[in-house]
Amino acid sequence: MPIATVPLPVQVTALRDLLQAQAAPKAAMSALVIFHALTSKELRTVMTTDLGDGRLFLPTRTVLLAAPVRDRIAAYLDYRNSRWPRTANPHLFLSQTTACGVETVSNVWINNILGIPARRLREDRLLHEAEATAGDPRRICDLFGLSVGAALRYNSTVDQPGNLRNAGPSPRPRTDGFD
């Protein structure tokens, strides 16, 4: 049985650099993962027809896209249409190789474009949500389509030393006699 690793956050400057990237594919993919925690498989298999009305329709959930994500996807679609105007590939993300066919891009291509494994960006987003919701597994399951076990993995980091919630003063001891 594999040993579960503790998810670790990504430096804020690295996230900011990804979102401000000049390369349209990098900016669009990073925004989808950083804001909405898409998996590498979801990035690879999403079709252009899965986008509509400010939403991304995935097989397991519908994502209401944040405004910065919509902007980056629009810029990427302009790039995609000018670079490969006659492609028959229905997938959203294309490479030089896949634009000539109908196959998906690879995980390696995605990670190379991002410069960091997509999994790390996804973990960072899930950690952030666990922290923001004080470890509410239901919210993480609903927002990101995770199983309860996976949500608990991220929520288990909320009360760990070094997290933002634990950086402040310790809570006052109870004085009502109930410990």
N, C-alpha and C. Protein backbone atom coordinates (compact mmCIF):
# COMPACT_ATOMS: atom_id res chain seq x y z
N MET A 1 0.85 -1.18 0.00
CA MET A 1 0.00 0.00 0.00
C MET A 1 0.89 1.25 0.00
N PRO A 2 0.63 2.22 -0.90
CA PRO A 2 1.47 3.41 -0.95
C PRO A 2 1.31 4.25 0.31
N ILE A 3 2.38 4.94 0.67
CA ILE A 3 2.35 5.82 1.83
C ILE A 3 1.88 7.19 1.37
N ALA A 4 0.87 7.74 2.07
CA ALA A 4 0.34 9.06 1.73
C ALA A 4 1.36 10.12 2.14
N THR A 5 1.62 11.04 1.26
CA THR A 5 2.52 12.14 1.57
C THR A 5 1.72 13.32 2.09
N VAL A 6 2.40 14.17 2.81
CA VAL A 6 1.76 15.38 3.32
C VAL A 6 1.82 16.43 2.23
N PRO A 7 0.67 16.95 1.79
CA PRO A 7 0.69 17.99 0.76
C PRO A 7 1.35 19.26 1.29
N LEU A 8 2.14 19.90 0.46
CA LEU A 8 2.85 21.11 0.86
C LEU A 8 2.44 22.28 -0.02
N PRO A 9 2.41 23.48 0.56
CA PRO A 9 2.05 24.65 -0.23
C PRO A 9 3.15 25.05 -1.20
N VAL A 10 2.77 25.81 -2.22
CA VAL A 10 3.70 26.36 -3.21
C VAL A 10 3.93 27.82 -2.83
N GLN A 11 5.13 28.32 -3.06
CA GLN A 11 5.44 29.73 -2.77
C GLN A 11 4.49 30.65 -3.54
N VAL A 12 4.02 31.68 -2.87
CA VAL A 12 3.09 32.63 -3.49
C VAL A 12 3.72 33.29 -4.71
N THR A 13 5.00 33.59 -4.65
CA THR A 13 5.66 34.22 -5.80
C THR A 13 5.65 33.31 -7.02
N ALA A 14 5.78 32.00 -6.80
CA ALA A 14 5.73 31.06 -7.93
C ALA A 14 4.34 31.04 -8.54
N LEU A 15 3.31 31.08 -7.71
CA LEU A 15 1.93 31.11 -8.21
C LEU A 15 1.68 32.39 -9.00
N ARG A 16 2.13 33.49 -8.45
CA ARG A 16 1.95 34.79 -9.12
C ARG A 16 2.66 34.80 -10.48
N ASP A 17 3.87 34.27 -10.52
CA ASP A 17 4.62 34.22 -11.78
C ASP A 17 3.89 33.38 -12.83
N LEU A 18 3.31 32.26 -12.41
CA LEU A 18 2.56 31.41 -13.35
C LEU A 18 1.35 32.15 -13.90
N LEU A 19 0.62 32.82 -13.03
CA LEU A 19 -0.60 33.51 -13.46
C LEU A 19 -0.29 34.72 -14.34
N GLN A 20 0.89 35.30 -14.19
CA GLN A 20 1.27 36.48 -14.98
C GLN A 20 2.11 36.12 -16.20
N ALA A 21 2.19 34.83 -16.50
CA ALA A 21 3.00 34.38 -17.64
C ALA A 21 2.50 35.00 -18.94
N GLN A 22 3.45 35.35 -19.81
CA GLN A 22 3.11 35.90 -21.11
C GLN A 22 2.63 34.82 -22.08
N ALA A 23 3.09 33.60 -21.89
CA ALA A 23 2.69 32.50 -22.77
C ALA A 23 1.24 32.10 -22.44
N ALA A 24 0.37 32.22 -23.41
CA ALA A 24 -1.06 31.96 -23.20
C ALA A 24 -1.35 30.56 -22.69
N PRO A 25 -0.72 29.50 -23.21
CA PRO A 25 -1.01 28.16 -22.67
C PRO A 25 -0.66 28.04 -21.20
N LYS A 26 0.48 28.57 -20.81
CA LYS A 26 0.93 28.51 -19.42
C LYS A 26 -0.02 29.27 -18.51
N ALA A 27 -0.42 30.46 -18.91
CA ALA A 27 -1.32 31.27 -18.09
C ALA A 27 -2.69 30.61 -17.93
N ALA A 28 -3.23 30.06 -19.02
CA ALA A 28 -4.55 29.44 -18.96
C ALA A 28 -4.54 28.16 -18.12
N MET A 29 -3.55 27.30 -18.36
CA MET A 29 -3.48 26.05 -17.59
C MET A 29 -3.24 26.33 -16.11
N SER A 30 -2.32 27.23 -15.82
CA SER A 30 -2.04 27.51 -14.42
C SER A 30 -3.25 28.12 -13.73
N ALA A 31 -3.99 28.98 -14.41
CA ALA A 31 -5.18 29.57 -13.80
C ALA A 31 -6.23 28.50 -13.50
N LEU A 32 -6.42 27.56 -14.41
CA LEU A 32 -7.39 26.49 -14.17
C LEU A 32 -7.02 25.63 -12.96
N VAL A 33 -5.74 25.38 -12.80
CA VAL A 33 -5.31 24.56 -11.67
C VAL A 33 -5.26 25.38 -10.38
N ILE A 34 -4.70 26.58 -10.43
CA ILE A 34 -4.55 27.40 -9.23
C ILE A 34 -5.89 27.85 -8.67
N PHE A 35 -6.83 28.20 -9.53
CA PHE A 35 -8.13 28.68 -9.05
C PHE A 35 -9.11 27.53 -8.80
N HIS A 36 -9.11 26.52 -9.69
CA HIS A 36 -10.17 25.51 -9.65
C HIS A 36 -9.68 24.09 -9.43
N ALA A 37 -8.40 23.92 -9.17
CA ALA A 37 -7.81 22.62 -8.81
C ALA A 37 -8.08 21.52 -9.84
N LEU A 38 -8.00 21.86 -11.12
CA LEU A 38 -8.15 20.82 -12.12
C LEU A 38 -6.97 19.86 -12.06
N THR A 39 -7.23 18.61 -12.37
CA THR A 39 -6.16 17.62 -12.42
C THR A 39 -5.47 17.70 -13.78
N SER A 40 -4.34 17.07 -13.86
CA SER A 40 -3.63 17.00 -15.13
C SER A 40 -4.49 16.28 -16.17
N LYS A 41 -5.17 15.22 -15.75
CA LYS A 41 -6.05 14.49 -16.67
C LYS A 41 -7.18 15.40 -17.17
N GLU A 42 -7.75 16.21 -16.29
CA GLU A 42 -8.81 17.12 -16.72
C GLU A 42 -8.27 18.15 -17.70
N LEU A 43 -7.07 18.67 -17.46
CA LEU A 43 -6.46 19.60 -18.41
C LEU A 43 -6.26 18.94 -19.77
N ARG A 44 -5.81 17.70 -19.76
CA ARG A 44 -5.53 16.99 -21.00
C ARG A 44 -6.80 16.70 -21.78
N THR A 45 -7.88 16.35 -21.11
CA THR A 45 -9.07 15.84 -21.80
C THR A 45 -10.18 16.85 -22.01
N VAL A 46 -10.05 18.04 -21.42
CA VAL A 46 -11.12 19.04 -21.59
C VAL A 46 -11.20 19.44 -23.07
N MET A 47 -12.42 19.57 -23.54
CA MET A 47 -12.68 19.94 -24.95
C MET A 47 -13.09 21.41 -25.02
N THR A 48 -12.93 21.98 -26.18
CA THR A 48 -13.37 23.37 -26.35
C THR A 48 -14.88 23.50 -26.15
N THR A 49 -15.61 22.44 -26.45
CA THR A 49 -17.07 22.46 -26.28
C THR A 49 -17.50 22.33 -24.82
N ASP A 50 -16.55 22.05 -23.92
CA ASP A 50 -16.85 21.97 -22.49
C ASP A 50 -16.92 23.35 -21.85
N LEU A 51 -16.58 24.37 -22.60
CA LEU A 51 -16.62 25.75 -22.11
C LEU A 51 -17.88 26.42 -22.61
N GLY A 52 -18.56 27.13 -21.72
CA GLY A 52 -19.74 27.87 -22.15
C GLY A 52 -20.36 28.66 -21.02
N ASP A 53 -20.76 29.86 -21.30
CA ASP A 53 -21.47 30.70 -20.35
C ASP A 53 -20.67 30.90 -19.06
N GLY A 54 -19.35 31.04 -19.18
CA GLY A 54 -18.51 31.26 -18.01
C GLY A 54 -18.32 30.03 -17.14
N ARG A 55 -18.63 28.88 -17.70
CA ARG A 55 -18.52 27.63 -16.95
C ARG A 55 -17.67 26.63 -17.71
N LEU A 56 -17.12 25.69 -16.95
CA LEU A 56 -16.41 24.56 -17.52
C LEU A 56 -17.18 23.32 -17.10
N PHE A 57 -17.66 22.58 -18.08
CA PHE A 57 -18.47 21.40 -17.82
C PHE A 57 -17.57 20.16 -17.86
N LEU A 58 -17.26 19.64 -16.69
CA LEU A 58 -16.45 18.44 -16.56
C LEU A 58 -17.37 17.25 -16.35
N PRO A 59 -16.90 16.04 -16.57
CA PRO A 59 -17.77 14.87 -16.38
C PRO A 59 -18.32 14.73 -14.96
N THR A 60 -17.56 15.18 -13.95
CA THR A 60 -18.00 14.98 -12.57
C THR A 60 -18.50 16.23 -11.88
N ARG A 61 -18.30 17.39 -12.49
CA ARG A 61 -18.74 18.64 -11.85
C ARG A 61 -18.77 19.77 -12.88
N THR A 62 -19.49 20.80 -12.54
CA THR A 62 -19.51 22.01 -13.35
C THR A 62 -18.81 23.09 -12.56
N VAL A 63 -17.87 23.76 -13.20
CA VAL A 63 -17.06 24.77 -12.54
C VAL A 63 -17.46 26.15 -13.05
N LEU A 64 -17.88 27.02 -12.13
CA LEU A 64 -18.14 28.42 -12.48
C LEU A 64 -16.78 29.11 -12.48
N LEU A 65 -16.31 29.49 -13.65
CA LEU A 65 -14.95 30.00 -13.80
C LEU A 65 -14.81 31.40 -13.22
N ALA A 66 -13.75 31.59 -12.46
CA ALA A 66 -13.42 32.91 -11.92
C ALA A 66 -13.06 33.85 -13.06
N ALA A 67 -13.29 35.13 -12.87
CA ALA A 67 -13.03 36.12 -13.92
C ALA A 67 -11.58 36.07 -14.43
N PRO A 68 -10.56 35.97 -13.56
CA PRO A 68 -9.20 35.89 -14.10
C PRO A 68 -8.97 34.63 -14.95
N VAL A 69 -9.65 33.56 -14.63
CA VAL A 69 -9.52 32.33 -15.42
C VAL A 69 -10.17 32.52 -16.78
N ARG A 70 -11.36 33.13 -16.80
CA ARG A 70 -12.04 33.39 -18.08
C ARG A 70 -11.18 34.26 -18.98
N ASP A 71 -10.53 35.27 -18.40
CA ASP A 71 -9.66 36.16 -19.20
C ASP A 71 -8.50 35.38 -19.81
N ARG A 72 -7.88 34.51 -19.02
CA ARG A 72 -6.73 33.75 -19.52
C ARG A 72 -7.15 32.70 -20.55
N ILE A 73 -8.32 32.12 -20.36
CA ILE A 73 -8.82 31.15 -21.35
C ILE A 73 -9.16 31.87 -22.66
N ALA A 74 -9.76 33.05 -22.56
CA ALA A 74 -10.06 33.82 -23.78
C ALA A 74 -8.78 34.16 -24.53
N ALA A 75 -7.75 34.57 -23.81
CA ALA A 75 -6.47 34.87 -24.45
C ALA A 75 -5.88 33.61 -25.07
N TYR A 76 -6.01 32.48 -24.37
CA TYR A 76 -5.49 31.23 -24.92
C TYR A 76 -6.26 30.83 -26.18
N LEU A 77 -7.58 30.96 -26.18
CA LEU A 77 -8.37 30.60 -27.36
C LEU A 77 -7.99 31.46 -28.56
N ASP A 78 -7.71 32.75 -28.33
CA ASP A 78 -7.23 33.60 -29.41
C ASP A 78 -5.89 33.09 -29.94
N TYR A 79 -5.00 32.74 -29.03
CA TYR A 79 -3.70 32.17 -29.41
C TYR A 79 -3.88 30.88 -30.18
N ARG A 80 -4.72 29.99 -29.65
CA ARG A 80 -4.96 28.68 -30.27
C ARG A 80 -5.51 28.85 -31.69
N ASN A 81 -6.49 29.74 -31.84
CA ASN A 81 -7.12 29.95 -33.15
C ASN A 81 -6.17 30.61 -34.16
N SER A 82 -5.27 31.45 -33.69
CA SER A 82 -4.33 32.07 -34.63
C SER A 82 -3.18 31.12 -34.97
N ARG A 83 -2.78 30.29 -34.02
CA ARG A 83 -1.66 29.35 -34.27
C ARG A 83 -2.10 28.15 -35.10
N TRP A 84 -3.30 27.60 -34.80
CA TRP A 84 -3.79 26.41 -35.50
C TRP A 84 -5.22 26.66 -35.97
N PRO A 85 -5.41 27.53 -36.96
CA PRO A 85 -6.76 27.90 -37.37
C PRO A 85 -7.56 26.75 -37.99
N ARG A 86 -6.88 25.74 -38.52
CA ARG A 86 -7.60 24.66 -39.21
C ARG A 86 -7.53 23.32 -38.48
N THR A 87 -7.16 23.35 -37.21
CA THR A 87 -7.05 22.08 -36.49
C THR A 87 -8.41 21.42 -36.32
N ALA A 88 -8.40 20.11 -36.37
CA ALA A 88 -9.62 19.34 -36.13
C ALA A 88 -9.64 18.78 -34.71
N ASN A 89 -8.58 19.06 -33.94
CA ASN A 89 -8.49 18.53 -32.59
C ASN A 89 -9.48 19.27 -31.69
N PRO A 90 -10.40 18.52 -31.05
CA PRO A 90 -11.43 19.17 -30.23
C PRO A 90 -10.95 19.52 -28.82
N HIS A 91 -9.76 19.06 -28.43
CA HIS A 91 -9.28 19.31 -27.08
C HIS A 91 -8.89 20.78 -26.92
N LEU A 92 -9.09 21.30 -25.72
CA LEU A 92 -8.78 22.70 -25.47
C LEU A 92 -7.29 22.98 -25.63
N PHE A 93 -6.47 22.17 -25.00
CA PHE A 93 -5.03 22.41 -25.05
C PHE A 93 -4.38 21.56 -26.13
N LEU A 94 -3.56 22.24 -26.94
CA LEU A 94 -2.89 21.59 -28.06
C LEU A 94 -1.39 21.86 -27.99
N SER A 95 -0.66 20.92 -28.54
CA SER A 95 0.78 21.11 -28.72
C SER A 95 1.05 21.09 -30.23
N GLN A 96 2.28 21.33 -30.60
CA GLN A 96 2.65 21.27 -32.01
C GLN A 96 2.30 19.91 -32.60
N THR A 97 2.48 18.86 -31.81
CA THR A 97 2.21 17.49 -32.28
C THR A 97 0.72 17.18 -32.32
N THR A 98 -0.01 17.53 -31.27
CA THR A 98 -1.43 17.14 -31.20
C THR A 98 -2.33 18.00 -32.08
N ALA A 99 -1.86 19.16 -32.50
CA ALA A 99 -2.68 20.01 -33.36
C ALA A 99 -2.93 19.37 -34.72
N CYS A 100 -2.08 18.43 -35.10
CA CYS A 100 -2.22 17.75 -36.40
C CYS A 100 -3.10 16.51 -36.32
N GLY A 101 -3.55 16.15 -35.14
CA GLY A 101 -4.38 14.96 -34.97
C GLY A 101 -5.54 15.27 -34.04
N VAL A 102 -5.99 14.25 -33.34
CA VAL A 102 -7.09 14.46 -32.40
C VAL A 102 -6.77 13.92 -31.00
N GLU A 103 -5.50 13.57 -30.76
CA GLU A 103 -5.14 13.03 -29.45
C GLU A 103 -4.93 14.16 -28.45
N THR A 104 -4.81 13.77 -27.16
CA THR A 104 -4.61 14.75 -26.09
C THR A 104 -3.13 15.05 -25.94
N VAL A 105 -2.84 16.16 -25.31
CA VAL A 105 -1.46 16.45 -24.92
C VAL A 105 -1.09 15.50 -23.78
N SER A 106 0.17 15.38 -23.49
CA SER A 106 0.61 14.46 -22.44
C SER A 106 0.79 15.19 -21.11
N ASN A 107 0.85 14.40 -20.04
CA ASN A 107 1.14 14.95 -18.72
C ASN A 107 2.50 15.63 -18.72
N VAL A 108 3.45 15.03 -19.40
CA VAL A 108 4.80 15.59 -19.47
C VAL A 108 4.75 16.97 -20.14
N TRP A 109 3.99 17.10 -21.21
CA TRP A 109 3.88 18.38 -21.91
C TRP A 109 3.28 19.43 -20.96
N ILE A 110 2.22 19.06 -20.24
CA ILE A 110 1.59 20.00 -19.30
C ILE A 110 2.60 20.45 -18.25
N ASN A 111 3.29 19.50 -17.63
CA ASN A 111 4.25 19.85 -16.59
C ASN A 111 5.41 20.67 -17.15
N ASN A 112 5.83 20.39 -18.38
CA ASN A 112 6.89 21.19 -19.01
C ASN A 112 6.44 22.63 -19.26
N ILE A 113 5.22 22.79 -19.75
CA ILE A 113 4.70 24.13 -20.00
C ILE A 113 4.58 24.91 -18.69
N LEU A 114 4.05 24.26 -17.66
CA LEU A 114 3.87 24.92 -16.37
C LEU A 114 5.21 25.16 -15.66
N GLY A 115 6.16 24.27 -15.86
CA GLY A 115 7.43 24.39 -15.16
C GLY A 115 7.38 23.84 -13.75
N ILE A 116 6.27 23.26 -13.38
CA ILE A 116 6.05 22.66 -12.06
C ILE A 116 4.97 21.60 -12.26
N PRO A 117 5.03 20.50 -11.56
CA PRO A 117 3.97 19.50 -11.75
C PRO A 117 2.58 20.08 -11.42
N ALA A 118 1.63 19.83 -12.28
CA ALA A 118 0.26 20.31 -12.05
C ALA A 118 -0.28 19.80 -10.72
N ARG A 119 0.15 18.62 -10.34
CA ARG A 119 -0.28 18.03 -9.06
C ARG A 119 0.08 18.93 -7.89
N ARG A 120 1.26 19.56 -7.94
CA ARG A 120 1.68 20.45 -6.84
C ARG A 120 0.79 21.69 -6.76
N LEU A 121 0.41 22.22 -7.92
CA LEU A 121 -0.47 23.39 -7.94
C LEU A 121 -1.85 23.02 -7.41
N ARG A 122 -2.32 21.85 -7.79
CA ARG A 122 -3.63 21.37 -7.31
C ARG A 122 -3.59 21.17 -5.79
N GLU A 123 -2.53 20.55 -5.30
CA GLU A 123 -2.41 20.35 -3.86
C GLU A 123 -2.42 21.68 -3.12
N ASP A 124 -1.73 22.68 -3.67
CA ASP A 124 -1.70 23.99 -3.04
C ASP A 124 -3.11 24.58 -2.95
N ARG A 125 -3.87 24.46 -4.02
CA ARG A 125 -5.25 25.00 -4.01
C ARG A 125 -6.11 24.28 -2.99
N LEU A 126 -5.98 22.96 -2.92
CA LEU A 126 -6.77 22.19 -1.96
C LEU A 126 -6.36 22.51 -0.52
N LEU A 127 -5.08 22.71 -0.28
CA LEU A 127 -4.61 23.12 1.05
C LEU A 127 -5.18 24.48 1.43
N HIS A 128 -5.18 25.38 0.45
CA HIS A 128 -5.72 26.72 0.70
C HIS A 128 -7.19 26.64 1.08
N GLU A 129 -7.94 25.82 0.37
CA GLU A 129 -9.37 25.69 0.68
C GLU A 129 -9.59 25.04 2.04
N ALA A 130 -8.78 24.05 2.37
CA ALA A 130 -8.89 23.42 3.69
C ALA A 130 -8.63 24.45 4.78
N GLU A 131 -7.64 25.28 4.58
CA GLU A 131 -7.31 26.33 5.55
C GLU A 131 -8.44 27.36 5.64
N ALA A 132 -8.96 27.78 4.49
CA ALA A 132 -10.01 28.81 4.45
C ALA A 132 -11.32 28.34 5.08
N THR A 133 -11.58 27.04 5.02
CA THR A 133 -12.84 26.52 5.57
C THR A 133 -12.66 25.87 6.93
N ALA A 134 -11.49 26.06 7.53
CA ALA A 134 -11.18 25.47 8.84
C ALA A 134 -11.34 23.96 8.80
N GLY A 135 -11.02 23.36 7.68
CA GLY A 135 -11.02 21.91 7.58
C GLY A 135 -12.39 21.29 7.35
N ASP A 136 -13.25 21.95 6.58
CA ASP A 136 -14.59 21.41 6.29
C ASP A 136 -14.49 20.44 5.10
N PRO A 137 -14.52 19.13 5.36
CA PRO A 137 -14.35 18.18 4.25
C PRO A 137 -15.50 18.22 3.24
N ARG A 138 -16.69 18.54 3.68
CA ARG A 138 -17.84 18.58 2.76
C ARG A 138 -17.64 19.64 1.69
N ARG A 139 -17.12 20.79 2.10
CA ARG A 139 -16.91 21.87 1.15
C ARG A 139 -15.89 21.48 0.09
N ILE A 140 -14.80 20.84 0.52
CA ILE A 140 -13.77 20.42 -0.43
C ILE A 140 -14.31 19.35 -1.37
N CYS A 141 -15.09 18.43 -0.82
CA CYS A 141 -15.69 17.38 -1.67
C CYS A 141 -16.61 18.00 -2.72
N ASP A 142 -17.44 18.93 -2.29
CA ASP A 142 -18.40 19.57 -3.20
C ASP A 142 -17.72 20.43 -4.26
N LEU A 143 -16.74 21.22 -3.85
CA LEU A 143 -16.08 22.14 -4.78
C LEU A 143 -15.20 21.44 -5.80
N PHE A 144 -14.50 20.38 -5.36
CA PHE A 144 -13.47 19.81 -6.21
C PHE A 144 -13.71 18.36 -6.60
N GLY A 145 -14.82 17.80 -6.20
CA GLY A 145 -15.15 16.43 -6.58
C GLY A 145 -14.25 15.38 -5.94
N LEU A 146 -13.73 15.68 -4.77
CA LEU A 146 -12.87 14.73 -4.06
C LEU A 146 -13.69 13.74 -3.25
N SER A 147 -13.11 12.59 -2.97
CA SER A 147 -13.72 11.65 -2.04
C SER A 147 -13.51 12.19 -0.62
N VAL A 148 -14.26 11.67 0.32
CA VAL A 148 -14.12 12.10 1.71
C VAL A 148 -12.70 11.81 2.21
N GLY A 149 -12.17 10.64 1.87
CA GLY A 149 -10.82 10.29 2.29
C GLY A 149 -9.78 11.27 1.79
N ALA A 150 -9.91 11.68 0.53
CA ALA A 150 -8.96 12.65 -0.04
C ALA A 150 -9.11 14.01 0.64
N ALA A 151 -10.34 14.42 0.89
CA ALA A 151 -10.57 15.70 1.56
C ALA A 151 -9.97 15.69 2.96
N LEU A 152 -10.10 14.58 3.65
CA LEU A 152 -9.55 14.48 5.00
C LEU A 152 -8.02 14.57 4.98
N ARG A 153 -7.40 14.09 3.92
CA ARG A 153 -5.94 14.21 3.79
C ARG A 153 -5.51 15.67 3.81
N TYR A 154 -6.25 16.52 3.13
CA TYR A 154 -5.92 17.94 3.11
C TYR A 154 -6.34 18.61 4.41
N ASN A 155 -7.46 18.22 4.94
CA ASN A 155 -7.93 18.82 6.18
C ASN A 155 -7.04 18.47 7.36
N SER A 156 -6.35 17.33 7.29
CA SER A 156 -5.48 16.93 8.40
C SER A 156 -4.30 17.88 8.56
N THR A 157 -4.02 18.69 7.55
CA THR A 157 -2.90 19.64 7.64
C THR A 157 -3.31 20.94 8.31
N VAL A 158 -4.60 21.17 8.51
CA VAL A 158 -5.07 22.45 9.02
C VAL A 158 -4.53 22.75 10.41
N ASP A 159 -4.49 21.79 11.29
CA ASP A 159 -4.04 22.04 12.66
C ASP A 159 -2.57 21.71 12.89
N GLN A 160 -1.81 21.58 11.81
CA GLN A 160 -0.39 21.26 11.95
C GLN A 160 0.41 22.52 12.27
N PRO A 161 1.50 22.36 13.04
CA PRO A 161 2.35 23.52 13.33
C PRO A 161 2.87 24.14 12.04
N GLY A 162 2.94 25.46 12.03
CA GLY A 162 3.47 26.17 10.88
C GLY A 162 2.40 26.64 9.91
N ASN A 163 1.17 26.19 10.07
CA ASN A 163 0.10 26.66 9.19
C ASN A 163 -0.35 28.04 9.62
N LEU A 164 -1.02 28.74 8.72
CA LEU A 164 -1.44 30.11 9.01
C LEU A 164 -2.32 30.20 10.24
N ARG A 165 -3.20 29.25 10.43
CA ARG A 165 -4.09 29.29 11.59
C ARG A 165 -3.32 29.16 12.88
N ASN A 166 -2.18 28.47 12.86
CA ASN A 166 -1.42 28.25 14.07
C ASN A 166 -0.31 29.28 14.25
N ALA A 167 -0.21 30.24 13.35
CA ALA A 167 0.88 31.21 13.43
C ALA A 167 0.58 32.30 14.45
N GLY A 168 -0.68 32.51 14.77
CA GLY A 168 -1.06 33.57 15.69
C GLY A 168 -0.96 33.11 17.13
N PRO A 169 -1.49 33.93 18.06
CA PRO A 169 -1.44 33.57 19.46
C PRO A 169 -2.27 32.32 19.73
N SER A 170 -1.86 31.58 20.72
CA SER A 170 -2.61 30.37 21.06
C SER A 170 -3.95 30.75 21.67
N PRO A 171 -4.97 29.87 21.53
CA PRO A 171 -6.28 30.21 22.06
C PRO A 171 -6.24 30.30 23.58
N ARG A 172 -7.14 31.12 24.12
CA ARG A 172 -7.22 31.26 25.57
C ARG A 172 -7.73 29.98 26.18
N PRO A 173 -7.22 29.59 27.33
CA PRO A 173 -7.72 28.39 27.98
C PRO A 173 -9.16 28.57 28.42
N ARG A 174 -9.90 27.47 28.43
CA ARG A 174 -11.30 27.54 28.87
C ARG A 174 -11.35 27.75 30.37
N THR A 175 -12.30 28.55 30.77
CA THR A 175 -12.45 28.84 32.19
C THR A 175 -13.77 28.30 32.75
N ASP A 176 -14.51 27.57 31.88
CA ASP A 176 -15.83 27.09 32.31
C ASP A 176 -15.75 25.69 32.93
N GLY A 177 -14.55 25.14 33.08
CA GLY A 177 -14.40 23.83 33.69
C GLY A 177 -14.54 22.67 32.73
N PHE A 178 -14.84 22.91 31.44
CA PHE A 178 -14.97 21.85 30.45
C PHE A 178 -13.72 21.82 29.59
N ASP A 179 -12.95 20.78 29.74
CA ASP A 179 -11.73 20.70 28.92
C ASP A 179 -11.83 19.65 27.91
